[in-house]
Protein backbone atom coordinates (compact mmCIF):
# COMPACT_ATOMS: atom_id res chain seq x y z
CA MET A 1 -0.12 0.08 0.01
CA SER A 2 1.36 3.38 -1.23
CA THR A 3 2.09 6.23 1.45
CA LEU A 4 -0.57 8.42 -0.68
CA HIS A 5 -3.13 5.76 -0.47
CA GLN A 6 -2.46 5.15 3.35
CA ASP A 7 -2.47 8.74 4.18
CA SER A 8 -5.80 9.65 2.33
CA VAL A 9 -9.52 9.66 2.78
CA VAL A 10 -10.58 6.41 0.85
CA ILE A 11 -14.45 6.18 0.21
CA ASP A 12 -16.16 3.73 -2.01
CA GLY A 13 -19.44 5.14 -3.39
CA LEU A 14 -21.23 1.92 -3.79
CA ILE A 15 -20.45 -1.61 -2.62
CA ILE A 16 -23.20 -4.59 -2.65
CA SER A 17 -21.02 -7.35 -1.40
CA LYS A 18 -22.07 -10.43 0.69
CA TRP A 19 -21.73 -9.01 4.00
CA GLY A 20 -20.05 -10.86 6.74
CA ARG A 21 -16.10 -11.03 8.16
CA PRO A 22 -14.61 -11.82 5.31
CA VAL A 23 -15.70 -8.84 3.16
CA PHE A 24 -15.13 -6.79 6.37
CA GLU A 25 -11.53 -7.66 6.73
CA ASP A 26 -10.86 -7.09 3.13
CA MET A 27 -12.10 -3.54 3.46
CA ARG A 28 -9.76 -2.82 6.23
CA ARG A 29 -6.95 -4.78 3.98
CA ALA A 30 -8.08 -2.36 1.44
CA GLY A 31 -7.54 0.86 3.51
CA LEU A 32 -11.25 1.82 3.14
CA THR A 33 -12.36 4.88 5.19
CA ALA A 34 -15.87 4.53 4.31
CA ALA A 35 -18.30 3.06 2.04
CA ASN A 36 -21.94 3.23 0.75
CA CYS A 37 -23.27 -0.39 1.81
CA THR A 38 -26.36 -1.65 0.04
CA VAL A 39 -28.98 -2.93 2.40
CA SER A 40 -32.22 -2.74 0.25
CA VAL A 41 -32.89 -3.25 -3.35
CA TRP A 42 -36.44 -4.89 -4.13
CA GLU A 43 -37.19 -5.05 -0.53
CA ASN A 44 -40.42 -3.55 1.14
CA PHE A 45 -40.28 -1.40 4.34
CA THR A 46 -40.63 -4.53 6.65
CA LYS A 47 -37.82 -6.32 4.90
CA THR A 48 -35.95 -3.45 4.74
CA VAL A 49 -35.88 -2.77 8.03
CA ALA A 50 -34.91 -6.05 8.89
CA GLY A 51 -31.90 -5.90 6.71
CA ILE A 52 -30.79 -2.58 8.52
CA ALA A 53 -31.08 -4.45 11.75
CA GLU A 54 -29.36 -7.12 10.52
CA MET A 55 -26.51 -4.74 9.16
CA LYS A 56 -26.28 -2.92 12.40
CA ARG A 57 -25.95 -6.16 14.35
CA MET A 58 -23.15 -7.00 12.02
CA VAL A 59 -21.37 -3.62 12.64
CA ARG A 60 -21.74 -4.40 16.41
CA ASP A 61 -20.36 -8.02 16.24
CA ASN A 62 -17.42 -6.58 13.98
CA SER A 63 -16.56 -3.37 15.97
CA ASP A 64 -12.86 -3.86 15.81
CA LEU A 65 -13.30 -3.37 11.97
CA LEU A 66 -16.34 -1.35 11.58
CA THR A 67 -18.30 1.70 12.68
CA LEU A 68 -21.58 3.19 11.67
CA VAL A 69 -21.55 6.27 9.60
CA ARG A 70 -24.55 8.94 10.10
CA GLY A 71 -22.28 12.01 9.49
CA VAL A 72 -19.12 13.20 8.18
CA ASP A 73 -17.85 13.28 11.96
CA ASP A 74 -18.13 9.55 11.87
CA ILE A 75 -16.04 9.24 8.72
CA HIS A 76 -13.32 11.18 10.32
CA ARG A 77 -13.21 9.16 13.32
CA ALA A 78 -13.41 5.69 11.47
CA ARG A 79 -10.08 6.85 9.67
CA ALA A 80 -8.61 7.82 13.21
CA GLN A 81 -9.67 4.61 14.32
CA GLY A 82 -8.44 2.74 11.78
CA ARG A 83 -12.03 1.29 11.05
CA THR A 84 -14.23 1.23 7.99
CA GLY A 85 -17.42 3.40 8.27
CA ILE A 86 -20.76 1.56 7.26
CA ILE A 87 -23.08 4.28 5.30
CA LEU A 88 -26.22 2.65 5.03
CA GLY A 89 -27.74 3.04 1.36
CA PHE A 90 -30.55 1.48 -0.80
CA GLN A 91 -30.71 0.86 -4.51
CA ASN A 92 -34.36 1.49 -4.77
CA ALA A 93 -36.75 3.55 -3.11
CA HIS A 94 -39.26 0.72 -3.22
CA ALA A 95 -38.53 0.33 0.55
CA PHE A 96 -40.55 3.94 0.87
CA GLU A 97 -43.79 2.42 -0.31
CA ASP A 98 -46.41 4.91 -0.89
CA ASN A 99 -45.31 6.86 2.60
CA LEU A 100 -43.59 9.80 2.70
CA ASP A 101 -43.26 9.52 6.79
CA TYR A 102 -41.07 6.38 5.86
CA ILE A 103 -38.38 8.40 4.69
CA GLU A 104 -37.64 10.26 7.85
CA ALA A 105 -38.10 6.98 9.68
CA PHE A 106 -34.78 5.45 7.67
CA ALA A 107 -33.19 8.80 8.17
CA ASP A 108 -33.43 7.95 11.99
CA MET A 109 -32.16 4.43 11.49
CA GLY A 110 -29.10 5.97 9.56
CA VAL A 111 -29.88 5.74 5.88
CA ARG A 112 -27.85 8.43 4.27
CA VAL A 113 -28.15 7.23 0.15
CA VAL A 114 -31.13 6.18 -1.55
CA GLN A 115 -31.23 5.46 -5.15
CA LEU A 116 -34.77 6.63 -6.64
CA CYS A 117 -35.37 3.51 -8.86
CA TYR A 118 -33.78 0.18 -9.76
CA ASN A 119 -33.79 -0.40 -13.47
CA THR A 120 -37.78 -0.78 -13.52
CA GLN A 121 -40.59 1.46 -12.87
CA ASN A 122 -41.58 2.16 -9.06
CA LEU A 123 -44.08 5.07 -7.81
CA ILE A 124 -41.38 7.57 -8.23
CA GLY A 125 -40.08 7.31 -11.38
CA THR A 126 -38.40 4.95 -14.23
CA GLY A 127 -35.66 2.78 -14.21
CA CYS A 128 -33.01 2.95 -17.10
CA TYR A 129 -34.42 -0.41 -18.63
CA GLU A 130 -38.18 1.10 -19.44
CA ARG A 131 -39.80 3.59 -21.30
CA ASP A 132 -39.12 6.46 -18.78
CA GLY A 133 -42.44 8.74 -18.38
CA GLY A 134 -40.21 10.91 -15.90
CA LEU A 135 -40.58 12.13 -12.17
CA SER A 136 -43.89 11.41 -10.56
CA GLY A 137 -45.83 14.19 -8.49
CA PHE A 138 -45.19 11.58 -5.64
CA GLY A 139 -41.79 11.28 -6.82
CA HIS A 140 -41.17 15.44 -6.23
CA GLU A 141 -42.27 14.87 -2.88
CA VAL A 142 -39.85 12.19 -2.18
CA ILE A 143 -37.07 14.30 -3.16
CA ALA A 144 -38.19 17.39 -0.85
CA GLU A 145 -38.55 15.10 1.77
CA MET A 146 -34.99 13.45 1.33
CA ASN A 147 -33.41 16.86 0.96
CA ARG A 148 -35.08 17.80 4.32
CA VAL A 149 -33.77 14.92 6.30
CA GLY A 150 -30.46 14.64 4.74
CA ILE A 151 -30.48 11.62 2.65
CA MET A 152 -28.74 11.78 -0.74
CA VAL A 153 -30.73 11.22 -4.02
CA ASP A 154 -28.65 8.38 -6.13
CA LEU A 155 -29.55 8.26 -9.96
CA SER A 156 -27.13 5.53 -11.17
CA HIS A 157 -30.03 3.04 -12.51
CA VAL A 158 -32.51 5.66 -13.17
CA GLY A 159 -33.78 6.39 -16.40
CA GLY A 160 -33.12 9.37 -18.46
CA ASN A 161 -36.01 11.73 -18.09
CA THR A 162 -36.39 10.61 -14.63
CA SER A 163 -32.99 11.43 -13.72
CA THR A 164 -32.94 15.22 -15.42
CA GLU A 165 -36.04 15.86 -13.65
CA ALA A 166 -34.71 14.85 -10.30
CA ILE A 167 -31.70 16.71 -10.60
CA LEU A 168 -33.63 19.82 -11.27
CA ALA A 169 -36.00 19.43 -8.45
CA SER A 170 -33.23 18.41 -5.87
CA LYS A 171 -32.30 21.70 -3.92
CA LYS A 172 -29.28 19.71 -2.47
CA PRO A 173 -26.57 17.70 -4.79
CA VAL A 174 -27.80 14.39 -6.24
CA CYS A 175 -25.38 11.81 -7.63
CA TYR A 176 -24.71 8.76 -10.01
CA SER A 177 -22.95 6.84 -7.26
CA HIS A 178 -21.59 4.03 -9.62
CA CYS A 179 -21.91 4.76 -13.51
CA LEU A 180 -19.78 4.85 -16.55
CA PRO A 181 -19.85 6.90 -19.68
CA SER A 182 -21.36 5.72 -22.71
CA GLY A 183 -18.93 7.74 -24.71
CA LEU A 184 -16.49 4.48 -23.86
CA LYS A 185 -19.14 1.94 -24.09
CA GLU A 186 -22.86 2.05 -25.26
CA HIS A 187 -24.79 0.41 -22.77
CA PRO A 188 -28.27 1.62 -21.43
CA ARG A 189 -26.72 1.94 -17.58
CA ASN A 190 -23.76 4.25 -18.91
CA LYS A 191 -24.39 7.97 -18.94
CA SER A 192 -24.08 10.06 -22.03
CA ASP A 193 -21.53 12.97 -22.09
CA GLU A 194 -24.28 15.19 -22.08
CA GLN A 195 -26.06 13.34 -19.16
CA LEU A 196 -22.80 13.72 -17.00
CA ARG A 197 -22.38 17.49 -17.85
CA PHE A 198 -26.10 17.86 -16.76
CA ILE A 199 -25.60 16.70 -13.31
CA ALA A 200 -21.93 18.16 -12.85
CA ASP A 201 -23.29 21.68 -14.08
CA ARG A 202 -25.98 21.57 -11.55
CA GLY A 203 -23.80 20.64 -8.38
CA GLY A 204 -24.08 16.70 -8.71
CA PHE A 205 -21.82 14.12 -8.47
CA ILE A 206 -20.37 11.11 -10.12
CA GLY A 207 -19.26 8.07 -8.60
CA VAL A 208 -17.58 5.83 -11.24
CA THR A 209 -18.17 2.12 -11.29
CA MET A 210 -15.48 -0.52 -12.64
CA PHE A 211 -18.27 -3.09 -13.18
CA SER A 212 -16.56 -4.83 -16.62
CA PRO A 213 -19.99 -5.36 -18.74
CA PHE A 214 -19.90 -1.64 -19.00
CA LEU A 215 -16.28 -0.98 -19.33
CA ARG A 216 -14.82 -0.67 -22.71
CA ARG A 217 -12.95 -3.86 -22.82
CA GLY A 218 -15.52 -5.81 -21.07
CA ILE A 219 -13.64 -8.88 -19.03
CA ASP A 220 -10.55 -8.34 -20.37
CA ALA A 221 -10.42 -5.11 -18.40
CA THR A 222 -7.79 -4.00 -16.05
CA VAL A 223 -7.21 -1.42 -13.28
CA ASP A 224 -5.60 0.84 -16.02
CA ASP A 225 -9.07 0.64 -18.01
CA TYR A 226 -10.72 2.01 -14.73
CA VAL A 227 -8.51 4.83 -14.27
CA GLU A 228 -9.28 5.62 -18.28
CA ALA A 229 -13.19 5.80 -17.49
CA ILE A 230 -12.52 8.01 -14.56
CA ASP A 231 -10.14 10.32 -16.66
CA TYR A 232 -12.87 10.18 -19.24
CA ILE A 233 -15.25 11.69 -17.08
CA ILE A 234 -12.86 14.11 -15.17
CA ASN A 235 -11.94 15.34 -18.75
CA LEU A 236 -15.86 16.25 -19.58
CA VAL A 237 -16.60 17.81 -16.19
CA GLY A 238 -13.79 18.37 -13.89
CA GLU A 239 -11.97 16.74 -10.97
CA ASP A 240 -14.12 18.17 -8.13
CA CYS A 241 -17.19 16.32 -8.64
CA VAL A 242 -15.80 12.69 -9.48
CA GLY A 243 -15.25 9.91 -7.29
CA ILE A 244 -15.23 6.20 -7.12
CA GLY A 245 -18.34 3.92 -6.94
CA THR A 246 -16.70 0.15 -7.40
CA ASP A 247 -20.07 -1.80 -7.35
CA PHE A 248 -18.04 -4.66 -5.86
CA THR A 249 -20.05 -7.79 -5.52
CA GLN A 250 -17.66 -9.96 -3.70
CA GLY A 251 -18.85 -13.30 -2.10
CA TYR A 252 -21.97 -13.53 -4.71
CA GLY A 253 -22.08 -15.94 -7.48
CA LYS A 254 -24.54 -16.72 -10.31
CA PRO A 255 -27.77 -16.76 -8.56
CA PHE A 256 -27.15 -13.25 -7.12
CA PHE A 257 -27.04 -11.64 -10.88
CA GLU A 258 -29.99 -13.67 -12.16
CA TRP A 259 -31.84 -12.02 -8.76
CA LEU A 260 -30.33 -8.45 -9.92
CA THR A 261 -31.23 -8.77 -13.76
CA HIS A 262 -34.87 -9.70 -13.20
CA ASP A 263 -37.33 -7.25 -12.49
CA LYS A 264 -38.24 -7.28 -8.66
CA GLY A 265 -35.75 -10.05 -8.44
CA SER A 266 -37.92 -12.91 -9.97
CA TYR A 267 -39.97 -11.42 -13.12
CA ARG A 268 -39.02 -10.49 -16.48
CA ARG A 269 -35.37 -10.58 -17.38
CA LEU A 270 -34.20 -6.83 -17.94
CA THR A 271 -30.84 -7.66 -19.08
CA ASP A 272 -27.71 -10.24 -19.29
CA PHE A 273 -24.37 -9.22 -17.93
CA GLY A 274 -22.72 -12.45 -19.03
CA THR A 275 -19.61 -13.17 -17.41
CA VAL A 276 -18.85 -10.73 -14.60
CA GLN A 277 -15.18 -10.35 -13.93
CA ASN A 278 -13.60 -7.54 -11.90
CA PRO A 279 -10.84 -5.70 -13.62
CA LYS A 280 -7.41 -7.45 -13.26
CA GLY A 281 -5.36 -5.99 -10.46
CA ILE A 282 -8.59 -4.80 -8.59
CA GLU A 283 -10.64 -8.22 -8.46
CA THR A 284 -11.08 -8.11 -4.87
CA ILE A 285 -11.86 -5.04 -2.45
CA GLY A 286 -8.46 -5.72 -0.40
CA GLU A 287 -6.53 -4.76 -3.87
CA LEU A 288 -8.14 -1.25 -3.74
CA PRO A 289 -4.37 0.09 -3.12
CA ASN A 290 -4.01 -0.79 -6.45
CA LEU A 291 -6.49 1.66 -8.09
CA THR A 292 -4.21 4.55 -6.17
CA ALA A 293 -1.21 3.06 -7.53
CA ALA A 294 -2.58 2.72 -11.33
CA MET A 295 -3.27 6.45 -11.09
CA GLU A 296 -0.05 7.33 -9.87
CA LYS A 297 1.48 5.36 -12.90
CA ALA A 298 -0.85 7.27 -15.10
CA GLY A 299 0.77 10.74 -14.09
CA TRP A 300 -2.10 11.79 -11.85
CA ARG A 301 -1.38 14.68 -9.53
CA GLU A 302 -1.41 13.83 -5.90
CA SER A 303 -3.93 16.45 -5.25
CA ARG A 304 -6.39 15.11 -7.67
CA ILE A 305 -5.86 11.28 -6.62
CA ARG A 306 -6.56 12.57 -3.08
CA LYS A 307 -10.10 14.30 -4.46
CA VAL A 308 -11.12 11.31 -6.50
CA ILE A 309 -10.36 8.65 -4.12
CA GLY A 310 -12.24 10.03 -1.10
CA ALA A 311 -12.01 13.83 -0.33
CA ASN A 312 -14.47 14.66 -3.19
CA TRP A 313 -17.08 12.27 -1.65
CA LEU A 314 -16.37 13.52 2.09
CA ARG A 315 -17.38 17.09 0.74
CA VAL A 316 -20.55 16.32 -0.81
CA PHE A 317 -21.80 14.11 1.90
CA GLY A 318 -21.26 16.99 3.99
CA GLU A 319 -23.20 19.32 1.91
CA VAL A 320 -26.17 16.80 1.80
CA TRP A 321 -26.26 15.33 5.04
CA ALA A 322 -26.55 18.87 6.90
CA VAL A 323 -29.79 19.12 8.13
């Protein structure tokens, strides 16, 4: 692990791995200060509460490695203590059901990032694999309430029209926590140059993923291809609104991806990722320091590297979570 990586705040904007001691140990091996950890996708309110309770129990049971993040002070504390801060996040607002009051309840439980839609339609708007009618009236109310209670709006799997309207509706910065540019590879999950500029020009944030089906070279990608994708976006929007959102799925196999690629986990097939293989050199969370090394090898300035691997996320979280 380089001195630069070791001395930096390192924040991953999205991990959806199989939670347990092996993953948590790898997070510490990676020098990971904090991560947005998915605890809900298709689950309803009741099942999501159970998922949050389970994650909090795991944080308690692994308190030598982990701490719960409710604000940026907790991220600073995690780093000082040599632990990884767990940020509770959803990849779908399905858990809100049709009740605005649930949003504050989840905020009180510690939820800090919520993606509006996961691939398909819900009461708020539309995901990236359906004809997109835009943000609903209820969706406008949801965003206003998320702004009020300090939950970040995530648009990674959200359709283009819904995303545009959400960006305009939000009074606080919104994000693509994990995305890639369609300028390098056309894919329904990737964002066009225009979409990337639109969110950045309005104070939003872009977390860049390394999910191989969306990268230019697919399963042949290496950590250098990940750096290429991050660099592409920085050249579009600047280095102050870009971070990492790896989308690590560590510990999961084919049944997990079958679940993710079907509507609500079990209905119509939405997409087929084929073989999912992380880029060579960053195949596990513990290899995250190799990303910093690849940025150094590419000739990036130290200040840029520090921003992208964590400082930018820290700043924008502070802006959103302040209530």
